[in-house]
C-alpha atoms as a PDB file:
ATOM      1  CA  MET A   1     -17.856  -1.063  22.895  1.00  0.00           C
ATOM      2  CA  SER A   2     -22.093  -1.627  21.792  1.00  0.00           C
ATOM      3  CA  ASN A   3     -25.121  -2.959  23.262  1.00  0.00           C
ATOM      4  CA  THR A   4     -25.635  -5.107  20.284  1.00  0.00           C
ATOM      5  CA  GLU A   5     -24.919  -8.943  21.213  1.00  0.00           C
ATOM      6  CA  ARG A   6     -23.615  -9.683  18.100  1.00  0.00           C
ATOM      7  CA  PRO A   7     -19.594  -9.686  17.769  1.00  0.00           C
ATOM      8  CA  ILE A   8     -17.647  -7.164  15.731  1.00  0.00           C
ATOM      9  CA  LYS A   9     -16.071  -8.553  13.034  1.00  0.00           C
ATOM     10  CA  ILE A  10     -12.975  -7.635  11.289  1.00  0.00           C
ATOM     11  CA  ALA A  11     -12.020  -8.634   8.054  1.00  0.00           C
ATOM     12  CA  ILE A  12      -8.431  -8.351   6.916  1.00  0.00           C
ATOM     13  CA  VAL A  13      -6.988  -9.255   3.508  1.00  0.00           C
ATOM     14  CA  VAL A  14      -3.653 -10.305   2.366  1.00  0.00           C
ATOM     15  CA  GLY A  15      -2.451  -9.100  -0.382  1.00  0.00           C
ATOM     16  CA  SER A  16       0.364 -11.170  -1.015  1.00  0.00           C
ATOM     17  CA  VAL A  17       1.094 -15.231  -1.638  1.00  0.00           C
ATOM     18  CA  ARG A  18       4.700 -15.786  -1.437  1.00  0.00           C
ATOM     19  CA  PRO A  19       5.900 -18.014   1.297  1.00  0.00           C
ATOM     20  CA  GLY A  20       7.131 -16.340   4.310  1.00  0.00           C
ATOM     21  CA  ASN A  21       5.635 -13.203   3.184  1.00  0.00           C
ATOM     22  CA  PHE A  22       6.756  -9.851   5.692  1.00  0.00           C
ATOM     23  CA  THR A  23       2.233  -9.034   4.825  1.00  0.00           C
ATOM     24  CA  SER A  24       1.354 -11.781   6.475  1.00  0.00           C
ATOM     25  CA  LYS A  25       3.896 -11.401   9.452  1.00  0.00           C
ATOM     26  CA  THR A  26       2.380  -7.807  10.052  1.00  0.00           C
ATOM     27  CA  VAL A  27      -1.456  -8.891   9.431  1.00  0.00           C
ATOM     28  CA  ALA A  28      -0.241 -10.923  12.470  1.00  0.00           C
ATOM     29  CA  ILE A  29       0.594  -8.404  14.622  1.00  0.00           C
ATOM     30  CA  VAL A  30      -2.212  -6.552  13.555  1.00  0.00           C
ATOM     31  CA  ALA A  31      -4.821  -9.585  14.343  1.00  0.00           C
ATOM     32  CA  ASP A  32      -3.071  -9.996  17.775  1.00  0.00           C
ATOM     33  CA  GLU A  33      -3.850  -6.361  18.890  1.00  0.00           C
ATOM     34  CA  LEU A  34      -7.566  -6.821  17.439  1.00  0.00           C
ATOM     35  CA  ARG A  35      -8.650  -9.865  19.417  1.00  0.00           C
ATOM     36  CA  LYS A  36      -7.204  -8.003  22.938  1.00  0.00           C
ATOM     37  CA  HIS A  37     -10.871  -6.459  22.490  1.00  0.00           C
ATOM     38  CA  PRO A  38     -13.204  -9.301  23.614  1.00  0.00           C
ATOM     39  CA  LYS A  39     -16.331  -8.072  21.359  1.00  0.00           C
ATOM     40  CA  VAL A  40     -14.218  -8.591  18.075  1.00  0.00           C
ATOM     41  CA  ASP A  41     -14.050 -11.318  15.710  1.00  0.00           C
ATOM     42  CA  VAL A  42     -11.153 -11.174  12.974  1.00  0.00           C
ATOM     43  CA  ASP A  43     -11.042 -12.867   9.778  1.00  0.00           C
ATOM     44  CA  ILE A  44      -7.859 -13.064   7.970  1.00  0.00           C
ATOM     45  CA  ILE A  45      -8.794 -13.484   4.302  1.00  0.00           C
ATOM     46  CA  HIS A  46      -5.988 -14.975   2.154  1.00  0.00           C
ATOM     47  CA  PRO A  47      -7.221 -14.333  -1.838  1.00  0.00           C
ATOM     48  CA  VAL A  48      -5.331 -17.280  -2.782  1.00  0.00           C
ATOM     49  CA  ASP A  49      -7.401 -20.050  -0.875  1.00  0.00           C
ATOM     50  CA  LEU A  50     -10.077 -18.905  -2.437  1.00  0.00           C
ATOM     51  CA  ASN A  51      -8.895 -19.336  -6.321  1.00  0.00           C
ATOM     52  CA  LEU A  52     -10.613 -16.355  -7.616  1.00  0.00           C
ATOM     53  CA  PRO A  53     -10.898 -15.550 -11.178  1.00  0.00           C
ATOM     54  CA  LEU A  54      -9.628 -13.142 -13.271  1.00  0.00           C
ATOM     55  CA  PRO A  55     -12.173  -9.920 -14.095  1.00  0.00           C
ATOM     56  CA  GLY A  56     -14.755 -10.816 -16.466  1.00  0.00           C
ATOM     57  CA  LEU A  57     -14.579 -14.584 -16.324  1.00  0.00           C
ATOM     58  CA  ASP A  58     -16.868 -16.047 -13.732  1.00  0.00           C
ATOM     59  CA  PRO A  59     -18.819 -13.379 -11.378  1.00  0.00           C
ATOM     60  CA  ASN A  60     -20.660 -16.423  -9.760  1.00  0.00           C
ATOM     61  CA  ALA A  61     -17.347 -18.497  -9.076  1.00  0.00           C
ATOM     62  CA  PRO A  62     -17.748 -19.997  -5.450  1.00  0.00           C
ATOM     63  CA  GLY A  63     -14.688 -18.302  -4.422  1.00  0.00           C
ATOM     64  CA  THR A  64     -15.775 -14.626  -5.274  1.00  0.00           C
ATOM     65  CA  LYS A  65     -19.314 -15.457  -3.293  1.00  0.00           C
ATOM     66  CA  GLU A  66     -17.267 -16.594  -0.345  1.00  0.00           C
ATOM     67  CA  LEU A  67     -15.278 -13.560  -0.600  1.00  0.00           C
ATOM     68  CA  GLN A  68     -18.124 -10.830  -0.992  1.00  0.00           C
ATOM     69  CA  ARG A  69     -19.881 -13.010   2.178  1.00  0.00           C
ATOM     70  CA  ARG A  70     -17.155 -12.421   4.134  1.00  0.00           C
ATOM     71  CA  ILE A  71     -16.782  -9.006   3.429  1.00  0.00           C
ATOM     72  CA  HIS A  72     -20.478  -7.768   3.492  1.00  0.00           C
ATOM     73  CA  ASP A  73     -20.546  -9.469   6.888  1.00  0.00           C
ATOM     74  CA  ALA A  74     -17.665  -7.609   8.265  1.00  0.00           C
ATOM     75  CA  ALA A  75     -18.183  -4.139  10.085  1.00  0.00           C
ATOM     76  CA  ALA A  76     -14.751  -3.016   8.929  1.00  0.00           C
ATOM     77  CA  VAL A  77     -11.764  -4.140   6.599  1.00  0.00           C
ATOM     78  CA  ILE A  78      -8.255  -3.805   6.845  1.00  0.00           C
ATOM     79  CA  LEU A  79      -6.487  -4.251   3.263  1.00  0.00           C
ATOM     80  CA  ALA A  80      -2.520  -5.276   3.432  1.00  0.00           C
ATOM     81  CA  THR A  81      -0.633  -4.792   0.746  1.00  0.00           C
ATOM     82  CA  PRO A  82       3.208  -5.110  -0.475  1.00  0.00           C
ATOM     83  CA  GLU A  83       4.458  -2.822  -2.018  1.00  0.00           C
ATOM     84  CA  TYR A  84       5.361  -3.989  -5.951  1.00  0.00           C
ATOM     85  CA  HIS A  85       6.981  -1.295  -8.671  1.00  0.00           C
ATOM     86  CA  GLY A  86       5.266   1.385  -6.825  1.00  0.00           C
ATOM     87  CA  SER A  87       2.008  -0.032  -6.405  1.00  0.00           C
ATOM     88  CA  PHE A  88      -0.251  -2.163  -4.246  1.00  0.00           C
ATOM     89  CA  SER A  89      -0.057  -6.023  -5.618  1.00  0.00           C
ATOM     90  CA  SER A  90      -2.306  -7.571  -8.021  1.00  0.00           C
ATOM     91  CA  VAL A  91      -3.996  -9.806  -5.298  1.00  0.00           C
ATOM     92  CA  ILE A  92      -5.479  -6.866  -4.035  1.00  0.00           C
ATOM     93  CA  LYS A  93      -6.809  -5.470  -7.064  1.00  0.00           C
ATOM     94  CA  LEU A  94      -8.032  -8.946  -7.800  1.00  0.00           C
ATOM     95  CA  ALA A  95      -9.320  -9.515  -4.636  1.00  0.00           C
ATOM     96  CA  ILE A  96     -11.332  -5.642  -4.748  1.00  0.00           C
ATOM     97  CA  GLU A  97     -12.695  -6.844  -8.760  1.00  0.00           C
ATOM     98  CA  ASN A  98     -13.906 -10.065  -7.044  1.00  0.00           C
ATOM     99  CA  MET A  99     -15.883  -7.851  -4.359  1.00  0.00           C
ATOM    100  CA  GLY A 100     -18.854  -7.478  -7.194  1.00  0.00           C
ATOM    101  CA  PHE A 101     -20.789  -4.315  -8.151  1.00  0.00           C
ATOM    102  CA  PRO A 102     -22.118  -2.171  -5.997  1.00  0.00           C
ATOM    103  CA  SER A 103     -18.689  -3.792  -4.311  1.00  0.00           C
ATOM    104  CA  ALA A 104     -19.115  -5.421  -1.140  1.00  0.00           C
ATOM    105  CA  LEU A 105     -16.746  -2.757   0.432  1.00  0.00           C
ATOM    106  CA  ALA A 106     -19.380  -0.048  -0.211  1.00  0.00           C
ATOM    107  CA  GLY A 107     -20.365   2.077   3.050  1.00  0.00           C
ATOM    108  CA  LYS A 108     -17.853   0.234   5.053  1.00  0.00           C
ATOM    109  CA  PRO A 109     -14.923   1.899   6.628  1.00  0.00           C
ATOM    110  CA  VAL A 110     -11.381   0.518   5.293  1.00  0.00           C
ATOM    111  CA  GLY A 111      -8.007   0.883   7.147  1.00  0.00           C
ATOM    112  CA  LEU A 112      -5.125   0.482   4.584  1.00  0.00           C
ATOM    113  CA  LEU A 113      -1.672  -1.233   5.674  1.00  0.00           C
ATOM    114  CA  GLY A 114       1.340  -1.568   3.136  1.00  0.00           C
ATOM    115  CA  VAL A 115       4.568  -3.006   3.841  1.00  0.00           C
ATOM    116  CA  ALA A 116       8.017  -2.134   1.571  1.00  0.00           C
ATOM    117  CA  ALA A 117      11.812  -2.975   1.851  1.00  0.00           C
ATOM    118  CA  GLY A 118      12.714   0.363   1.057  1.00  0.00           C
ATOM    119  CA  ALA A 119      13.421   3.243   3.686  1.00  0.00           C
ATOM    120  CA  ILE A 120      10.065   5.617   2.238  1.00  0.00           C
ATOM    121  CA  GLY A 121       8.087   2.225   3.225  1.00  0.00           C
ATOM    122  CA  ALA A 122       4.474   1.702   0.799  1.00  0.00           C
ATOM    123  CA  ILE A 123       3.500   5.572   0.833  1.00  0.00           C
ATOM    124  CA  LYS A 124       3.114   4.835  -3.199  1.00  0.00           C
ATOM    125  CA  SER A 125       0.854   1.977  -2.989  1.00  0.00           C
ATOM    126  CA  LEU A 126      -1.390   3.592  -0.220  1.00  0.00           C
ATOM    127  CA  GLU A 127      -2.070   6.203  -2.229  1.00  0.00           C
ATOM    128  CA  SER A 128      -3.085   4.500  -5.021  1.00  0.00           C
ATOM    129  CA  LEU A 129      -4.588   2.184  -3.156  1.00  0.00           C
ATOM    130  CA  ARG A 130      -7.235   4.790  -0.995  1.00  0.00           C
ATOM    131  CA  GLY A 131      -8.199   6.415  -4.774  1.00  0.00           C
ATOM    132  CA  ILE A 132      -9.456   2.732  -5.480  1.00  0.00           C
ATOM    133  CA  VAL A 133     -11.321   2.442  -1.988  1.00  0.00           C
ATOM    134  CA  SER A 134     -13.003   5.598  -1.911  1.00  0.00           C
ATOM    135  CA  HIS A 135     -13.987   5.047  -5.472  1.00  0.00           C
ATOM    136  CA  VAL A 136     -15.847   1.520  -5.253  1.00  0.00           C
ATOM    137  CA  GLY A 137     -17.625   3.648  -2.256  1.00  0.00           C
ATOM    138  CA  ALA A 138     -15.625   2.617   0.753  1.00  0.00           C
ATOM    139  CA  LEU A 139     -14.602   4.948   3.566  1.00  0.00           C
ATOM    140  CA  PRO A 140     -10.537   4.699   3.624  1.00  0.00           C
ATOM    141  CA  LEU A 141      -9.765   5.986   7.096  1.00  0.00           C
ATOM    142  CA  PRO A 142      -7.051   8.735   7.493  1.00  0.00           C
ATOM    143  CA  MET A 143      -3.474   7.729   8.807  1.00  0.00           C
ATOM    144  CA  PRO A 144      -2.807   4.723   6.314  1.00  0.00           C
ATOM    145  CA  ILE A 145      -0.414   2.572   8.062  1.00  0.00           C
ATOM    146  CA  SER A 146       3.411   2.072   5.994  1.00  0.00           C
ATOM    147  CA  ILE A 147       6.068   0.005   7.230  1.00  0.00           C
ATOM    148  CA  ALA A 148       9.696   0.281   5.565  1.00  0.00           C
ATOM    149  CA  ASN A 149      12.082  -1.821   5.799  1.00  0.00           C
ATOM    150  CA  VAL A 150      10.076  -4.379   6.449  1.00  0.00           C
ATOM    151  CA  GLN A 151      12.290  -7.264   6.044  1.00  0.00           C
ATOM    152  CA  THR A 152      14.474  -5.771   9.019  1.00  0.00           C
ATOM    153  CA  LEU A 153      11.418  -5.837  11.308  1.00  0.00           C
ATOM    154  CA  PHE A 154      10.782  -9.699  12.678  1.00  0.00           C
ATOM    155  CA  ASP A 155      12.996 -12.739  13.721  1.00  0.00           C
ATOM    156  CA  ALA A 156      13.001 -16.188  12.892  1.00  0.00           C
ATOM    157  CA  ASP A 157       9.750 -16.383  15.226  1.00  0.00           C
ATOM    158  CA  GLY A 158       7.797 -13.685  13.580  1.00  0.00           C
ATOM    159  CA  HIS A 159       8.475 -11.070  16.385  1.00  0.00           C
ATOM    160  CA  VAL A 160       8.966  -7.963  15.827  1.00  0.00           C
ATOM    161  CA  VAL A 161      12.460  -6.730  16.921  1.00  0.00           C
ATOM    162  CA  ASP A 162      11.557  -3.161  16.851  1.00  0.00           C
ATOM    163  CA  PRO A 163       9.595  -1.870  19.305  1.00  0.00           C
ATOM    164  CA  ALA A 164       8.081   1.441  17.200  1.00  0.00           C
ATOM    165  CA  ALA A 165       7.522  -0.539  14.347  1.00  0.00           C
ATOM    166  CA  GLU A 166       5.772  -3.047  16.324  1.00  0.00           C
ATOM    167  CA  ALA A 167       3.752  -0.004  18.038  1.00  0.00           C
ATOM    168  CA  LEU A 168       2.911   1.294  14.374  1.00  0.00           C
ATOM    169  CA  MET A 169       2.059  -2.275  13.549  1.00  0.00           C
ATOM    170  CA  ARG A 170      -0.590  -2.128  16.149  1.00  0.00           C
ATOM    171  CA  ARG A 171      -1.765   1.432  15.546  1.00  0.00           C
ATOM    172  CA  SER A 172      -3.442  -0.262  12.257  1.00  0.00           C
ATOM    173  CA  ALA A 173      -5.601  -2.342  14.720  1.00  0.00           C
ATOM    174  CA  THR A 174      -6.371   1.178  17.086  1.00  0.00           C
ATOM    175  CA  ASN A 175      -7.233   3.283  14.660  1.00  0.00           C
ATOM    176  CA  LEU A 176      -9.931   1.034  12.806  1.00  0.00           C
ATOM    177  CA  LEU A 177     -11.387  -0.358  16.520  1.00  0.00           C
ATOM    178  CA  ASN A 178     -11.705   3.621  17.365  1.00  0.00           C
ATOM    179  CA  TYR A 179     -13.342   4.661  13.852  1.00  0.00           C
ATOM    180  CA  VAL A 180     -16.106   1.386  14.947  1.00  0.00           C
ATOM    181  CA  GLU A 181     -16.775   2.572  18.229  1.00  0.00           C
ATOM    182  CA  ASN A 182     -17.140   5.757  17.716  1.00  0.00           C
ATOM    183  CA  HIS A 183     -19.245   5.245  14.385  1.00  0.00           C
ATOM    184  CA  VAL A 184     -19.887   1.877  13.116  1.00  0.00           C
ATOM    185  CA  CYS A 185     -21.543   0.498  16.894  1.00  0.00           C
ATOM    186  CA  PRO A 186     -23.695   3.602  17.349  1.00  0.00           C
ATOM    187  CA  ARG A 187     -24.973   3.083  13.881  1.00  0.00           C
ATOM    188  CA  PHE A 188     -25.747  -0.548  14.765  1.00  0.00           C
ATOM    189  CA  THR A 189     -27.215  -0.080  18.295  1.00  0.00           C
ATOM    190  CA  LEU A 190     -29.809   2.615  16.185  1.00  0.00           C
ATOM    191  CA  GLU A 191     -30.859   0.404  13.929  1.00  0.00           C
ATOM    192  CA  ARG A 192     -31.343  -2.289  16.240  1.00  0.00           C
ATOM    193  CA  LEU A 193     -33.470   0.028  18.300  1.00  0.00           C
ATOM    194  CA  LEU A 194     -35.475   0.830  15.509  1.00  0.00           C
ATOM    195  CA  ARG A 195     -36.180  -3.260  14.250  1.00  0.00           C
ATOM    196  CA  GLU A 196     -36.729  -4.205  17.632  1.00  0.00           C
ATOM    197  CA  GLY A 197     -37.652  -1.445  19.852  1.00  0.00           C
ATOM    198  CA  MET A 198     -35.842   0.150  22.939  1.00  0.00           C
ATOM    199  CA  GLU A 199     -36.958  -3.135  25.469  1.00  0.00           C
ATOM    200  CA  ALA A 200     -34.670  -5.375  23.438  1.00  0.00           C
ATOM    201  CA  ALA A 201     -32.043  -3.540  22.988  1.00  0.00           C
ATOM    202  CA  ALA A 202     -31.990  -3.090  26.811  1.00  0.00           C
ATOM    203  CA  HIS A 203     -31.224  -7.086  27.262  1.00  0.00           C
END
């Protein structure tokens, strides 16, 4: 994938806090696909674990700084959200608000993944989220992944019972990896060449 020795870090932000939520189950499939690549290091971020403050209250909160660091360290990001009332979750919005200004997402490729119980999937939430991701200066990838009828797709052990749905979930990973391989890794390699010289990059 790259001439650099550093792993390619992919951060996935989980936009649901409900116990046993389908967003986390879907993210587990995406992460499994990402981990098939030997150079990829997956960082699954659960905002609920960071005790993020409401916007404007404490921009220096420990959880806020940790979130910003983890996003900053990632080569690319996946935002995974359920669709609530025709939009993305407040969890995802709170995470974005805590990424600072300029945003830690700025300049990063971002894959969008939505799940919904309805037959049309999470199309509305992904349309809204795409606009916000663009607004903060990130690069939302084309072809966001929308998973419909998500409550019917998993067995009790978290395995996907619909092969077509599983392939769609895994595409969220492969779409992002393809972009990283074609655009992000070459940029990192060029930066390293300029910083360390041709001889260092050859090792």
